[in-house]
Amino acid sequence: MDRETIESVLAAAQSYVASLDDDEMGYEEIEAETQLIDAFGIQEIGNDAHRCVTWLCVLASQKVLYGWAALECEGDLPSQTIEAVSKWVQGKVQPADWEPLCNPAEARRNGRVIVDCDACRAEPIASAAAHTARFAITASPEDAVQVLSDVFTAISEGVYWSERDPMDFQKWVGMVAIPAALELRHLSEAELYS
């Protein structure tokens, strides 16, 4: 991406971080997410901008992906999905079939659909993974915005790595994930779970 686009993305990331005013995702935050994704200037599927935003979705999803197993959800479709999208971004290796990756896994435990308070933690994880795959094949900004919203929701419902409070998600996106996404760089465990 050119210098002007990168500067636009970084400015949009600052606005996104500044949209943080409480613990709820509201209109202003969603608008800031939309502006952040639009700042990349995606022109076509598979171009550099699209790959960077897809990588941002991968990194955001990875931040909460461990919660699927921690909540004892059956299967590993969310992990498989993020792994497949990651391989596509990093090496342009196409999954054999995108369709199952684009549908959220059903959160089940002991053969039953999770309907207790863990549903609000597990469902956004599955949704984030599926929307990451959808974004990879469509470049629809709404899918990328949904990934960020889903990850925010999972974190706000208690899916975070440590006993200490994690960095506010918007700050993490602006300060950690965006720079890594622009470089298509993997995050260290410390960066991922900060």
Protein backbone atom coordinates (compact mmCIF):
# COMPACT_ATOMS: atom_id res chain seq x y z
CA MET A 1 0.00 0.00 0.00
CA ASP A 2 1.15 3.52 -0.65
CA ARG A 3 2.22 5.97 2.06
CA GLU A 4 -0.98 8.05 1.77
CA THR A 5 -3.19 5.00 2.36
CA ILE A 6 -1.12 3.90 5.34
CA GLU A 7 -1.40 7.38 6.86
CA SER A 8 -5.16 7.30 6.27
CA VAL A 9 -5.41 3.92 7.99
CA LEU A 10 -3.36 5.11 10.96
CA ALA A 11 -5.53 8.25 11.30
CA ALA A 12 -8.67 6.11 11.16
CA ALA A 13 -7.15 3.83 13.81
CA GLN A 14 -6.65 6.86 16.08
CA SER A 15 -10.30 7.82 15.59
CA TYR A 16 -11.31 4.26 16.35
CA VAL A 17 -9.31 4.29 19.59
CA ALA A 18 -10.85 7.67 20.48
CA SER A 19 -14.35 6.22 20.00
CA LEU A 20 -13.85 4.20 23.18
CA ASP A 21 -16.00 5.84 25.82
CA ASP A 22 -17.58 2.99 27.76
CA ASP A 23 -17.99 -0.76 27.84
CA GLU A 24 -20.74 -0.97 25.24
CA MET A 25 -20.56 -1.08 21.48
CA GLY A 26 -22.73 1.74 20.20
CA TYR A 27 -23.36 3.64 17.00
CA GLU A 28 -20.20 5.78 17.31
CA GLU A 29 -17.99 2.73 17.72
CA ILE A 30 -19.57 0.94 14.77
CA GLU A 31 -19.21 4.08 12.66
CA ALA A 32 -15.53 4.29 13.67
CA GLU A 33 -15.05 0.61 12.74
CA THR A 34 -16.61 1.24 9.34
CA GLN A 35 -14.37 4.26 8.75
CA LEU A 36 -11.35 2.20 9.81
CA ILE A 37 -12.10 -0.54 7.29
CA ASP A 38 -12.94 1.99 4.55
CA ALA A 39 -9.60 3.76 5.13
CA PHE A 40 -7.77 0.77 3.65
CA GLY A 41 -9.31 1.61 0.27
CA ILE A 42 -9.99 -1.94 -0.87
CA GLN A 43 -10.38 -1.95 -4.65
CA GLU A 44 -10.56 -5.66 -5.36
CA ILE A 45 -10.53 -9.04 -3.70
CA GLY A 46 -7.00 -10.25 -3.04
CA ASN A 47 -5.22 -6.91 -3.40
CA ASP A 48 -2.82 -5.70 -0.70
CA ALA A 49 -5.48 -3.66 1.12
CA HIS A 50 -7.91 -6.57 1.18
CA ARG A 51 -5.23 -8.94 2.47
CA CYS A 52 -4.28 -6.46 5.24
CA VAL A 53 -7.88 -6.12 6.43
CA THR A 54 -8.35 -9.87 6.23
CA TRP A 55 -5.23 -10.25 8.36
CA LEU A 56 -6.66 -7.72 10.85
CA CYS A 57 -9.76 -9.96 11.07
CA VAL A 58 -7.56 -13.03 11.60
CA LEU A 59 -5.61 -11.31 14.39
CA ALA A 60 -8.79 -10.03 16.08
CA SER A 61 -10.39 -13.49 15.90
CA GLN A 62 -7.25 -15.10 17.29
CA LYS A 63 -7.51 -12.84 20.33
CA VAL A 64 -10.62 -14.73 21.52
CA LEU A 65 -10.33 -18.05 19.68
CA TYR A 66 -8.92 -19.88 22.72
CA GLY A 67 -12.28 -19.19 24.43
CA TRP A 68 -14.00 -21.80 22.24
CA ALA A 69 -12.04 -24.63 23.85
CA ALA A 70 -12.01 -22.94 27.27
CA LEU A 71 -15.83 -22.94 27.19
CA GLU A 72 -15.67 -26.65 26.28
CA CYS A 73 -17.40 -26.15 22.95
CA GLU A 74 -17.40 -29.20 20.69
CA GLY A 75 -15.47 -29.27 17.45
CA ASP A 76 -12.85 -26.88 16.22
CA LEU A 77 -14.47 -25.22 13.20
CA PRO A 78 -13.60 -21.68 14.39
CA SER A 79 -9.91 -22.64 14.69
CA GLN A 80 -9.98 -24.45 11.34
CA THR A 81 -11.57 -21.39 9.76
CA ILE A 82 -8.99 -18.95 11.08
CA GLU A 83 -6.17 -21.31 10.10
CA ALA A 84 -7.54 -21.62 6.55
CA VAL A 85 -7.95 -17.86 6.16
CA SER A 86 -4.49 -17.30 7.61
CA LYS A 87 -2.98 -19.65 5.04
CA TRP A 88 -4.87 -17.84 2.27
CA VAL A 89 -3.58 -14.43 3.39
CA GLN A 90 0.00 -15.57 3.93
CA GLY A 91 0.37 -17.83 0.93
CA LYS A 92 -2.73 -17.48 -1.22
CA VAL A 93 -3.54 -21.16 -0.57
CA GLN A 94 -7.25 -21.53 -1.25
CA PRO A 95 -9.32 -23.75 1.03
CA ALA A 96 -10.90 -26.68 -0.79
CA ASP A 97 -14.35 -25.34 0.16
CA TRP A 98 -15.02 -21.87 1.60
CA GLU A 99 -18.73 -22.50 2.27
CA PRO A 100 -18.50 -24.39 5.58
CA LEU A 101 -15.97 -21.85 6.84
CA CYS A 102 -18.40 -19.00 6.21
CA ASN A 103 -21.07 -20.38 8.53
CA PRO A 104 -20.69 -19.95 12.30
CA ALA A 105 -20.14 -23.16 14.21
CA GLU A 106 -22.96 -24.04 16.55
CA ALA A 107 -21.79 -23.74 20.15
CA ARG A 108 -22.45 -27.17 21.65
CA ARG A 109 -21.32 -28.81 24.86
CA ASN A 110 -22.02 -32.44 25.77
CA GLY A 111 -24.06 -32.79 22.60
CA ARG A 112 -26.40 -29.91 23.45
CA VAL A 113 -26.59 -26.39 22.12
CA ILE A 114 -25.22 -23.99 24.71
CA VAL A 115 -28.06 -21.79 25.92
CA ASP A 116 -26.76 -20.69 29.32
CA CYS A 117 -24.69 -17.58 29.98
CA ASP A 118 -21.78 -19.11 28.04
CA ALA A 119 -23.75 -18.66 24.80
CA CYS A 120 -23.00 -14.92 24.83
CA ARG A 121 -19.30 -15.79 25.01
CA ALA A 122 -19.14 -18.67 22.52
CA GLU A 123 -21.45 -17.42 19.77
CA PRO A 124 -19.43 -14.26 19.02
CA ILE A 125 -16.26 -16.37 18.70
CA ALA A 126 -17.89 -18.58 16.07
CA SER A 127 -19.39 -15.55 14.34
CA ALA A 128 -16.06 -13.71 14.21
CA ALA A 129 -14.37 -16.71 12.59
CA ALA A 130 -17.15 -17.13 10.01
CA HIS A 131 -17.22 -13.42 9.15
CA THR A 132 -13.44 -13.51 8.73
CA ALA A 133 -13.87 -16.20 6.06
CA ARG A 134 -16.74 -14.30 4.45
CA PHE A 135 -14.64 -11.16 4.28
CA ALA A 136 -11.80 -13.10 2.67
CA ILE A 137 -14.01 -14.12 -0.25
CA THR A 138 -16.25 -11.04 -0.56
CA ALA A 139 -14.24 -8.04 0.72
CA SER A 140 -17.54 -6.74 2.09
CA PRO A 141 -16.72 -4.10 4.75
CA GLU A 142 -19.78 -5.19 6.75
CA ASP A 143 -18.14 -8.58 7.38
CA ALA A 144 -14.92 -7.00 8.67
CA VAL A 145 -16.90 -4.62 10.90
CA GLN A 146 -18.85 -7.61 12.22
CA VAL A 147 -15.59 -9.40 13.12
CA LEU A 148 -14.45 -6.44 15.22
CA SER A 149 -17.87 -6.16 16.83
CA ASP A 150 -18.00 -9.89 17.61
CA VAL A 151 -14.56 -9.89 19.19
CA PHE A 152 -15.46 -6.82 21.25
CA THR A 153 -18.61 -8.62 22.41
CA ALA A 154 -16.75 -11.81 23.36
CA ILE A 155 -14.20 -9.83 25.35
CA SER A 156 -16.84 -7.71 27.07
CA GLU A 157 -18.60 -10.95 28.06
CA GLY A 158 -15.45 -12.23 29.72
CA VAL A 159 -13.36 -13.99 27.07
CA TYR A 160 -9.90 -12.72 27.80
CA TRP A 161 -6.63 -14.40 28.52
CA SER A 162 -5.56 -13.36 31.99
CA GLU A 163 -6.89 -12.48 35.39
CA ARG A 164 -5.87 -8.89 34.88
CA ASP A 165 -7.98 -6.58 32.81
CA PRO A 166 -6.92 -6.70 29.18
CA MET A 167 -6.08 -3.59 27.18
CA ASP A 168 -9.28 -2.01 25.88
CA PHE A 169 -10.07 -3.74 22.60
CA GLN A 170 -10.13 -0.54 20.54
CA LYS A 171 -6.71 0.42 21.89
CA TRP A 172 -5.42 -3.05 21.10
CA VAL A 173 -6.71 -2.77 17.53
CA GLY A 174 -5.16 0.66 17.03
CA MET A 175 -1.86 0.08 18.80
CA VAL A 176 -1.15 -3.62 18.22
CA ALA A 177 -3.30 -5.18 15.48
CA ILE A 178 -3.28 -2.42 12.84
CA PRO A 179 0.54 -2.12 12.69
CA ALA A 180 0.82 -5.92 12.45
CA ALA A 181 -1.93 -6.10 9.83
CA LEU A 182 -0.20 -3.50 7.66
CA GLU A 183 2.89 -5.74 7.69
CA LEU A 184 0.93 -9.04 7.49
CA ARG A 185 2.88 -9.98 10.62
CA HIS A 186 2.01 -12.60 13.23
CA LEU A 187 1.63 -11.43 16.83
CA SER A 188 3.60 -12.73 19.76
CA GLU A 189 1.56 -14.28 22.54
CA ALA A 190 2.24 -11.18 24.67
CA GLU A 191 0.89 -8.92 21.91
CA LEU A 192 -2.10 -11.13 21.21
CA TYR A 193 -3.25 -11.36 24.80
CA SER A 194 -2.37 -7.86 25.98
